[in-house]
Amino acid sequence: MDRREFSKTLAAGVATTLAPFGIVRAQAAKLKVGVLLPRSGVQALIGQSCQRGADLAPEVIRQVLGVDVELMNADTESNTDVARTRAERLVQDGANVLVGAFDSGHTAAIAQVAEQRGVPLVINIAAAPQITEQGYKFVFRNFPTAIDLVRNGLALMGDIFRTTNTAPRTAVFMHVNDTFGMAMSKGIGAMLPRLNFLPFKVVDTIPYDPAAKDLAIEVSKAKAANPDFLMLVCRLNDAIVLRREMVRQRWHPMGIISPGSPGLYEEQYAKALGKYADYAICNTVWFNPKSEMTRRVSAAFKKRNPKEEIAFHGTNVGYTFDAIMIAADAFKRARSTDPKVLAEAIRQTDIPVANRMSLGGPIKFNPKGQVEGNLSAAIQNLNGLPRVTLPAEYAEAKVVFPSPDFKRA
């Protein structure tokens, strides 16, 4: 399929009848998208990574859909109160739709603003289940809930063990104690006992502050439990602190596996840790490395960031781009920036698999505003780069487990 054929296919895929929106309205000149991300503060590096996906979206969307998108960027400063205030300001300044905000706590606050002001919010990344359990009419999420992340992540653990012919018997579960981490912990606690295809049991659970500068006590406790591997739900900065402490304490389990969280695949993780970043595995949502949309977005990414690898920004770029694409697709069909009309168009979204960047089925929202069928992949750091190792049909490399430095106590 050449570029012209791809553009025609995409346009056909996203075009639907205008009947649900009543009489045809005059097409507004452009869609103003308020993008809320933590570009400073403790989550700054991840917020900046998401911003790269937002920055390239207008160019690609103009080529594919013929829609003009204007970004209105706001920094949440890694603070929930700031996120709420900035969302209010974006609405006042004329944003037709909001996109954000990576952090579940920030996103929950922004969702309240969106619902109160009657402006659609398309969530790029945020997994706390309660966000789409409030009966909101203007809030939409194309990202799995923590329960879905856990389910997919644990299933992939089983795939890793079968593929590598290993059977670890014990694990220590360490997790951040923020909104996201607690939601993930709750999901794992509820689900893991029912999954008898997994060979291990959790011998200790250790929560910790994602802003912690020292995790010596927590790592020492985990090491003392002598687990076969570490199951980890983390952010970026704490993941670096934790891995350095593992090296310092000479703790070398079979590996680090996350059932679904950021941190381990980020560029700063690799830069800060060098060889010690390798072999960590994160079972998480990702972009489809073999899709036409990924090739198109990757080309735009390389043009804007010639010295960077899109592999370090897989989830962040993929899901932020797709969120803005969802808004632009709805705008194209609705032919209006009226918030109620735009929200109804988003609700009727049906973007086929071939036209999305992230792994998963067609993008369709259920009555709660939640997309179902997003897929996870086993992302492993190999030779300094995160690579898809499972499922096999998307794999760029073979999974390695246990890690080469594994030493049984």
Protein backbone atom coordinates (compact mmCIF):
# COMPACT_ATOMS: atom_id res chain seq x y z
CA MET A 1 0.00 0.00 0.00
CA ASP A 2 1.50 3.35 -1.06
CA ARG A 3 0.98 6.66 0.74
CA ARG A 4 -1.94 7.75 -1.45
CA GLU A 5 -3.78 4.44 -0.99
CA PHE A 6 -3.14 4.50 2.76
CA SER A 7 -4.60 8.02 3.07
CA LYS A 8 -7.69 7.00 1.12
CA THR A 9 -8.16 3.90 3.27
CA LEU A 10 -7.80 5.90 6.49
CA ALA A 11 -10.24 8.56 5.35
CA ALA A 12 -12.76 5.85 4.45
CA GLY A 13 -12.26 4.13 7.79
CA VAL A 14 -12.95 7.20 9.89
CA ALA A 15 -15.75 8.68 7.77
CA THR A 16 -19.29 7.88 8.92
CA THR A 17 -22.74 9.26 8.26
CA LEU A 18 -23.57 12.68 9.67
CA ALA A 19 -27.17 11.70 10.38
CA PRO A 20 -26.73 11.43 14.19
CA PHE A 21 -25.68 15.06 14.30
CA GLY A 22 -28.81 16.45 12.63
CA ILE A 23 -28.46 18.98 9.82
CA VAL A 24 -25.03 19.54 8.30
CA ARG A 25 -23.19 22.38 10.02
CA ALA A 26 -20.51 24.65 8.62
CA GLN A 27 -17.06 23.12 9.15
CA ALA A 28 -15.06 25.07 11.74
CA ALA A 29 -11.62 26.17 10.54
CA LYS A 30 -9.64 24.17 13.07
CA LEU A 31 -9.85 22.11 16.23
CA LYS A 32 -8.26 23.63 19.33
CA VAL A 33 -6.85 20.87 21.54
CA GLY A 34 -5.80 21.69 25.09
CA VAL A 35 -2.95 19.30 25.98
CA LEU A 36 -2.29 18.87 29.72
CA LEU A 37 0.92 17.06 30.69
CA PRO A 38 3.42 17.10 33.61
CA ARG A 39 6.29 18.76 31.76
CA SER A 40 7.97 19.86 35.02
CA GLY A 41 8.20 18.42 38.51
CA VAL A 42 8.81 14.81 39.50
CA GLN A 43 7.12 13.39 36.37
CA ALA A 44 8.66 15.90 33.96
CA LEU A 45 10.62 13.48 31.77
CA ILE A 46 7.58 11.34 31.05
CA GLY A 47 5.40 14.39 30.46
CA GLN A 48 7.97 15.74 28.01
CA SER A 49 8.00 12.36 26.28
CA CYS A 50 4.21 12.48 25.87
CA GLN A 51 4.54 16.03 24.55
CA ARG A 52 6.62 14.73 21.63
CA GLY A 53 3.62 12.69 20.52
CA ALA A 54 1.40 15.75 20.77
CA ASP A 55 3.81 18.00 18.88
CA LEU A 56 3.94 15.83 15.78
CA ALA A 57 0.20 15.06 15.74
CA PRO A 58 -0.99 18.19 13.84
CA GLU A 59 1.35 17.52 10.90
CA VAL A 60 0.45 13.83 10.55
CA ILE A 61 -3.28 14.39 11.10
CA ARG A 62 -3.33 17.13 8.46
CA GLN A 63 -1.75 14.70 5.98
CA VAL A 64 -4.06 11.80 6.83
CA LEU A 65 -7.40 13.43 7.67
CA GLY A 66 -7.07 16.88 6.17
CA VAL A 67 -7.95 18.39 9.56
CA ASP A 68 -6.17 21.40 11.07
CA VAL A 69 -5.34 20.95 14.75
CA GLU A 70 -4.07 23.76 16.98
CA LEU A 71 -2.39 22.69 20.21
CA MET A 72 -2.85 24.68 23.40
CA ASN A 73 -0.20 23.26 25.75
CA ALA A 74 -0.33 23.44 29.54
CA ASP A 75 2.07 22.11 32.16
CA THR A 76 0.47 20.42 35.17
CA GLU A 77 3.80 20.69 37.04
CA SER A 78 3.23 17.17 38.43
CA ASN A 79 0.62 18.69 40.76
CA THR A 80 -3.08 17.80 40.93
CA ASP A 81 -4.25 21.28 41.94
CA VAL A 82 -2.25 22.86 39.12
CA ALA A 83 -3.74 20.35 36.68
CA ARG A 84 -7.24 21.40 37.69
CA THR A 85 -6.44 25.11 37.43
CA ARG A 86 -4.74 24.75 34.03
CA ALA A 87 -7.69 22.78 32.68
CA GLU A 88 -10.03 25.59 33.73
CA ARG A 89 -7.77 28.12 32.00
CA LEU A 90 -7.63 26.14 28.76
CA VAL A 91 -11.41 25.97 28.63
CA GLN A 92 -11.63 29.71 29.28
CA ASP A 93 -9.12 30.33 26.51
CA GLY A 94 -11.22 28.45 23.97
CA ALA A 95 -10.04 24.83 23.92
CA ASN A 96 -12.62 22.69 22.10
CA VAL A 97 -11.35 19.45 23.62
CA LEU A 98 -8.86 18.50 26.33
CA VAL A 99 -6.24 15.74 26.10
CA GLY A 100 -4.16 14.40 28.99
CA ALA A 101 -2.84 14.00 31.52
CA PHE A 102 -0.67 10.85 32.07
CA ASP A 103 -1.02 10.82 35.87
CA SER A 104 -4.26 9.25 37.15
CA GLY A 105 -4.68 11.76 39.97
CA HIS A 106 -4.22 14.71 37.61
CA THR A 107 -6.56 13.14 35.07
CA ALA A 108 -9.29 12.57 37.66
CA ALA A 109 -9.17 16.27 38.59
CA ILE A 110 -9.26 17.35 34.92
CA ALA A 111 -12.18 14.98 34.28
CA GLN A 112 -14.20 16.83 36.91
CA VAL A 113 -13.47 20.14 35.17
CA ALA A 114 -14.36 18.71 31.76
CA GLU A 115 -17.66 17.37 33.03
CA GLN A 116 -18.56 20.55 34.89
CA ARG A 117 -17.71 22.77 31.93
CA GLY A 118 -19.16 20.42 29.32
CA VAL A 119 -15.95 20.11 27.29
CA PRO A 120 -14.79 16.69 26.03
CA LEU A 121 -11.69 15.14 27.59
CA VAL A 122 -9.84 12.40 25.71
CA ILE A 123 -7.47 10.66 28.11
CA ASN A 124 -4.14 9.74 26.60
CA ILE A 125 -2.68 7.81 29.57
CA ALA A 126 -4.21 7.15 33.01
CA ALA A 127 -5.26 3.77 34.34
CA ALA A 128 -7.20 4.32 37.58
CA PRO A 129 -10.54 2.52 36.94
CA GLN A 130 -12.70 5.01 38.83
CA ILE A 131 -12.13 7.74 36.24
CA THR A 132 -14.59 6.13 33.84
CA GLU A 133 -16.91 4.82 36.56
CA GLN A 134 -18.43 8.20 37.47
CA GLY A 135 -21.13 8.30 34.82
CA TYR A 136 -19.37 11.15 33.00
CA LYS A 137 -20.73 12.21 29.60
CA PHE A 138 -17.71 14.20 28.41
CA VAL A 139 -14.83 11.91 29.47
CA PHE A 140 -13.33 9.29 27.14
CA ARG A 141 -10.36 7.00 27.63
CA ASN A 142 -8.41 5.07 24.99
CA PHE A 143 -6.15 3.45 27.58
CA PRO A 144 -6.64 0.27 29.59
CA THR A 145 -7.73 0.45 33.20
CA ALA A 146 -5.40 -0.83 35.90
CA ILE A 147 -7.43 -4.06 35.95
CA ASP A 148 -6.86 -4.54 32.21
CA LEU A 149 -3.17 -3.72 32.55
CA VAL A 150 -2.83 -6.27 35.33
CA ARG A 151 -4.75 -8.94 33.44
CA ASN A 152 -2.70 -8.46 30.27
CA GLY A 153 0.56 -8.05 32.17
CA LEU A 154 0.14 -11.22 34.23
CA ALA A 155 -0.87 -13.22 31.16
CA LEU A 156 2.33 -12.08 29.44
CA MET A 157 4.33 -13.21 32.47
CA GLY A 158 3.01 -16.69 31.83
CA ASP A 159 4.05 -16.35 28.18
CA ILE A 160 7.55 -15.25 29.22
CA PHE A 161 8.00 -18.25 31.50
CA ARG A 162 6.70 -20.70 28.88
CA THR A 163 8.84 -19.19 26.12
CA THR A 164 12.00 -19.32 28.21
CA ASN A 165 11.14 -22.68 29.85
CA THR A 166 11.44 -21.22 33.36
CA ALA A 167 9.28 -21.57 36.44
CA PRO A 168 10.08 -19.02 39.16
CA ARG A 169 8.44 -19.97 42.43
CA THR A 170 8.49 -16.71 44.39
CA ALA A 171 8.31 -12.95 43.81
CA VAL A 172 8.45 -9.77 45.85
CA PHE A 173 5.97 -7.13 44.70
CA MET A 174 7.17 -3.53 45.05
CA HIS A 175 4.95 -0.65 43.96
CA VAL A 176 4.59 3.11 44.16
CA ASN A 177 1.92 4.24 46.62
CA ASP A 178 0.27 6.89 44.43
CA THR A 179 -3.19 6.63 42.82
CA PHE A 180 -1.93 4.51 39.94
CA GLY A 181 0.24 2.24 42.07
CA MET A 182 -2.51 1.55 44.58
CA ALA A 183 -4.98 0.75 41.79
CA MET A 184 -2.48 -1.68 40.28
CA SER A 185 -1.82 -3.26 43.68
CA LYS A 186 -5.53 -3.76 44.26
CA GLY A 187 -5.90 -5.37 40.84
CA ILE A 188 -2.96 -7.73 41.36
CA GLY A 189 -4.18 -8.70 44.82
CA ALA A 190 -7.59 -9.58 43.43
CA MET A 191 -6.47 -11.36 40.28
CA LEU A 192 -3.21 -13.18 40.99
CA PRO A 193 -4.70 -15.82 43.36
CA ARG A 194 -7.10 -16.91 40.60
CA LEU A 195 -4.41 -17.40 37.93
CA ASN A 196 -3.19 -20.94 38.53
CA PHE A 197 -1.21 -20.94 35.25
CA LEU A 198 1.41 -18.72 36.95
CA PRO A 199 3.99 -20.76 38.90
CA PHE A 200 4.93 -18.22 41.58
CA LYS A 201 3.54 -16.78 44.78
CA VAL A 202 4.17 -13.29 46.19
CA VAL A 203 6.16 -13.61 49.43
CA ASP A 204 6.14 -9.89 50.30
CA THR A 205 4.51 -6.66 49.12
CA ILE A 206 6.42 -3.41 49.63
CA PRO A 207 4.83 -0.03 48.78
CA TYR A 208 7.01 3.08 48.56
CA ASP A 209 6.87 6.80 47.77
CA PRO A 210 7.54 7.53 44.04
CA ALA A 211 9.39 10.71 45.10
CA ALA A 212 11.74 8.77 47.42
CA LYS A 213 15.44 9.63 47.10
CA ASP A 214 16.57 6.57 49.05
CA LEU A 215 15.08 3.07 48.84
CA ALA A 216 17.81 1.23 50.75
CA ILE A 217 15.45 -0.08 53.44
CA GLU A 218 12.83 -1.25 50.94
CA VAL A 219 15.40 -3.00 48.73
CA SER A 220 17.06 -4.62 51.75
CA LYS A 221 13.68 -5.98 52.84
CA ALA A 222 12.95 -7.31 49.37
CA LYS A 223 16.37 -8.94 49.10
CA ALA A 224 15.95 -10.60 52.50
CA ALA A 225 12.82 -12.37 51.25
CA ASN A 226 15.06 -14.07 48.65
CA PRO A 227 12.48 -14.08 45.82
CA ASP A 228 13.20 -15.55 42.41
CA PHE A 229 12.23 -12.28 40.72
CA LEU A 230 11.04 -8.75 41.44
CA MET A 231 7.56 -7.74 40.28
CA LEU A 232 7.54 -3.94 40.05
CA VAL A 233 5.02 -1.14 39.49
CA CYS A 234 7.01 2.08 39.27
CA ARG A 235 7.46 5.52 37.78
CA LEU A 236 10.73 6.74 36.24
CA ASN A 237 12.78 8.45 38.94
CA ASP A 238 12.04 5.84 41.58
CA ALA A 239 12.86 3.03 39.14
CA ILE A 240 16.35 4.48 38.72
CA VAL A 241 16.83 4.89 42.47
CA LEU A 242 15.62 1.34 43.09
CA ARG A 243 17.84 -0.27 40.42
CA ARG A 244 20.93 1.56 41.68
CA GLU A 245 20.20 0.31 45.18
CA MET A 246 19.83 -3.25 43.91
CA VAL A 247 23.29 -2.98 42.33
CA ARG A 248 24.74 -1.44 45.48
CA GLN A 249 23.34 -4.25 47.61
CA ARG A 250 24.43 -6.85 45.04
CA TRP A 251 20.95 -8.23 44.69
CA HIS A 252 20.62 -10.12 41.40
CA PRO A 253 17.26 -11.92 41.09
CA MET A 254 16.15 -13.69 37.93
CA GLY A 255 14.86 -10.40 36.64
CA ILE A 256 12.63 -7.38 37.03
CA ILE A 257 9.19 -7.69 35.46
CA SER A 258 6.50 -5.02 35.59
CA PRO A 259 2.90 -6.13 35.00
CA GLY A 260 2.30 -2.70 33.44
CA SER A 261 3.81 0.65 34.40
CA PRO A 262 6.10 3.36 33.02
CA GLY A 263 9.72 3.85 34.01
CA LEU A 264 11.70 0.83 32.88
CA TYR A 265 11.54 1.55 29.14
CA GLU A 266 12.20 5.30 29.37
CA GLU A 267 15.29 6.85 27.80
CA GLN A 268 16.48 8.36 31.07
CA TYR A 269 16.37 4.93 32.70
CA ALA A 270 18.79 3.61 30.08
CA LYS A 271 21.01 6.70 30.17
CA ALA A 272 21.23 6.80 33.95
CA LEU A 273 21.90 3.09 34.43
CA GLY A 274 23.82 2.00 31.35
CA LYS A 275 24.25 -1.79 31.27
CA TYR A 276 22.20 -2.16 34.46
CA ALA A 277 19.10 -1.03 32.56
CA ASP A 278 19.26 -4.07 30.27
CA TYR A 279 16.99 -7.11 30.64
CA ALA A 280 14.27 -5.34 32.66
CA ILE A 281 10.86 -6.28 31.24
CA CYS A 282 7.71 -4.20 31.25
CA ASN A 283 4.46 -5.81 30.11
CA THR A 284 2.59 -2.75 28.97
CA VAL A 285 0.66 -1.07 26.20
CA TRP A 286 2.88 -0.07 23.28
CA PHE A 287 2.85 1.07 19.69
CA ASN A 288 2.55 -1.53 16.95
CA PRO A 289 6.10 -1.67 15.52
CA LYS A 290 4.82 -3.14 12.26
CA SER A 291 1.91 -0.83 11.43
CA GLU A 292 1.72 1.75 8.67
CA MET A 293 0.59 4.41 11.13
CA THR A 294 3.63 3.76 13.31
CA ARG A 295 5.91 4.12 10.29
CA ARG A 296 4.26 7.43 9.43
CA VAL A 297 4.48 8.76 12.99
CA SER A 298 8.05 7.45 13.37
CA ALA A 299 9.12 9.41 10.29
CA ALA A 300 7.60 12.59 11.72
CA PHE A 301 9.24 11.87 15.08
CA LYS A 302 12.69 11.43 13.53
CA LYS A 303 12.27 14.64 11.55
CA ARG A 304 11.55 16.58 14.76
CA ASN A 305 13.95 14.65 17.00
CA PRO A 306 16.85 13.48 14.79
CA LYS A 307 19.02 12.39 17.72
CA GLU A 308 16.35 10.38 19.55
CA GLU A 309 14.84 6.91 19.26
CA ILE A 310 11.06 6.61 19.20
CA ALA A 311 11.46 3.25 20.97
CA PHE A 312 12.14 5.15 24.21
CA HIS A 313 8.79 6.90 23.87
CA GLY A 314 6.61 3.95 22.82
CA THR A 315 3.60 4.25 25.12
CA ASN A 316 3.90 7.99 25.60
CA VAL A 317 4.03 8.98 21.93
CA GLY A 318 1.66 6.26 20.72
CA TYR A 319 -1.19 6.92 23.12
CA THR A 320 -0.84 10.70 23.08
CA PHE A 321 -0.91 10.72 19.28
CA ASP A 322 -3.92 8.39 19.20
CA ALA A 323 -5.81 10.59 21.70
CA ILE A 324 -5.42 13.65 19.49
CA MET A 325 -6.28 11.53 16.44
CA ILE A 326 -9.54 10.48 18.12
CA ALA A 327 -10.46 14.12 18.72
CA ALA A 328 -9.57 15.11 15.14
CA ASP A 329 -11.50 12.16 13.68
CA ALA A 330 -14.60 13.17 15.67
CA PHE A 331 -14.20 16.80 14.58
CA LYS A 332 -14.01 15.72 10.93
CA ARG A 333 -17.24 13.74 11.24
CA ALA A 334 -19.12 16.22 13.42
CA ARG A 335 -18.20 19.26 11.35
CA SER A 336 -18.57 21.28 14.50
CA THR A 337 -16.72 22.38 17.62
CA ASP A 338 -19.92 22.53 19.62
CA PRO A 339 -18.92 20.53 22.72
CA LYS A 340 -22.07 18.40 22.86
CA VAL A 341 -21.88 17.58 19.17
CA LEU A 342 -18.16 16.85 19.45
CA ALA A 343 -18.70 14.62 22.49
CA GLU A 344 -21.37 12.67 20.62
CA ALA A 345 -19.01 12.22 17.68
CA ILE A 346 -16.28 10.92 20.00
CA ARG A 347 -18.78 8.52 21.54
CA GLN A 348 -19.43 7.06 18.08
CA THR A 349 -15.75 6.66 17.22
CA ASP A 350 -14.87 3.55 15.20
CA ILE A 351 -11.24 3.73 14.11
CA PRO A 352 -10.06 0.44 12.54
CA VAL A 353 -6.92 -1.40 13.68
CA ALA A 354 -5.01 -0.41 10.55
CA ASN A 355 -5.46 3.27 11.35
CA ARG A 356 -4.28 3.35 14.97
CA MET A 357 -0.70 3.52 16.21
CA SER A 358 -1.04 1.64 19.49
CA LEU A 359 -1.56 -2.12 19.80
CA GLY A 360 -5.17 -3.20 20.08
CA GLY A 361 -8.47 -3.68 18.34
CA PRO A 362 -10.66 -0.99 16.75
CA ILE A 363 -11.02 2.16 18.84
CA LYS A 364 -14.63 2.11 20.05
CA PHE A 365 -15.96 3.58 23.29
CA ASN A 366 -18.34 1.64 25.49
CA PRO A 367 -21.24 3.44 27.27
CA LYS A 368 -18.86 4.47 30.07
CA GLY A 369 -16.47 6.17 27.63
CA GLN A 370 -13.86 3.40 27.92
CA VAL A 371 -12.11 1.69 25.00
CA GLU A 372 -11.84 -2.07 25.40
CA GLY A 373 -9.37 -4.38 23.66
CA ASN A 374 -6.12 -2.46 24.09
CA LEU A 375 -3.22 -4.93 23.98
CA SER A 376 -0.01 -5.14 25.99
CA ALA A 377 3.40 -6.39 24.86
CA ALA A 378 6.46 -7.61 26.73
CA ILE A 379 8.95 -4.76 26.31
CA GLN A 380 12.51 -5.72 27.26
CA ASN A 381 15.59 -3.51 27.35
CA LEU A 382 18.16 -5.16 25.08
CA ASN A 383 21.48 -3.58 24.14
CA GLY A 384 20.30 -0.22 25.40
CA LEU A 385 16.94 -0.12 23.59
CA PRO A 386 13.43 -1.27 24.57
CA ARG A 387 12.20 -3.97 22.18
CA VAL A 388 8.94 -5.89 21.75
CA THR A 389 9.67 -9.53 22.60
CA LEU A 390 6.10 -10.89 22.93
CA PRO A 391 3.51 -11.51 21.49
CA ALA A 392 5.44 -13.32 18.76
CA GLU A 393 3.55 -11.67 15.88
CA TYR A 394 4.82 -8.23 16.94
CA ALA A 395 8.24 -9.29 18.27
CA GLU A 396 11.42 -7.44 17.33
CA ALA A 397 13.69 -9.69 19.43
CA LYS A 398 13.62 -12.82 21.61
CA VAL A 399 12.88 -12.44 25.31
CA VAL A 400 15.78 -13.12 27.72
CA PHE A 401 14.93 -14.60 31.13
CA PRO A 402 16.56 -15.00 33.58
CA SER A 403 18.93 -12.08 33.12
CA PRO A 404 22.61 -13.02 32.62
CA ASP A 405 23.65 -11.62 36.02
CA PHE A 406 21.19 -13.86 37.93
CA LYS A 407 22.72 -15.28 41.09
CA ARG A 408 20.78 -17.56 43.37
CA ALA A 409 21.31 -16.72 47.02
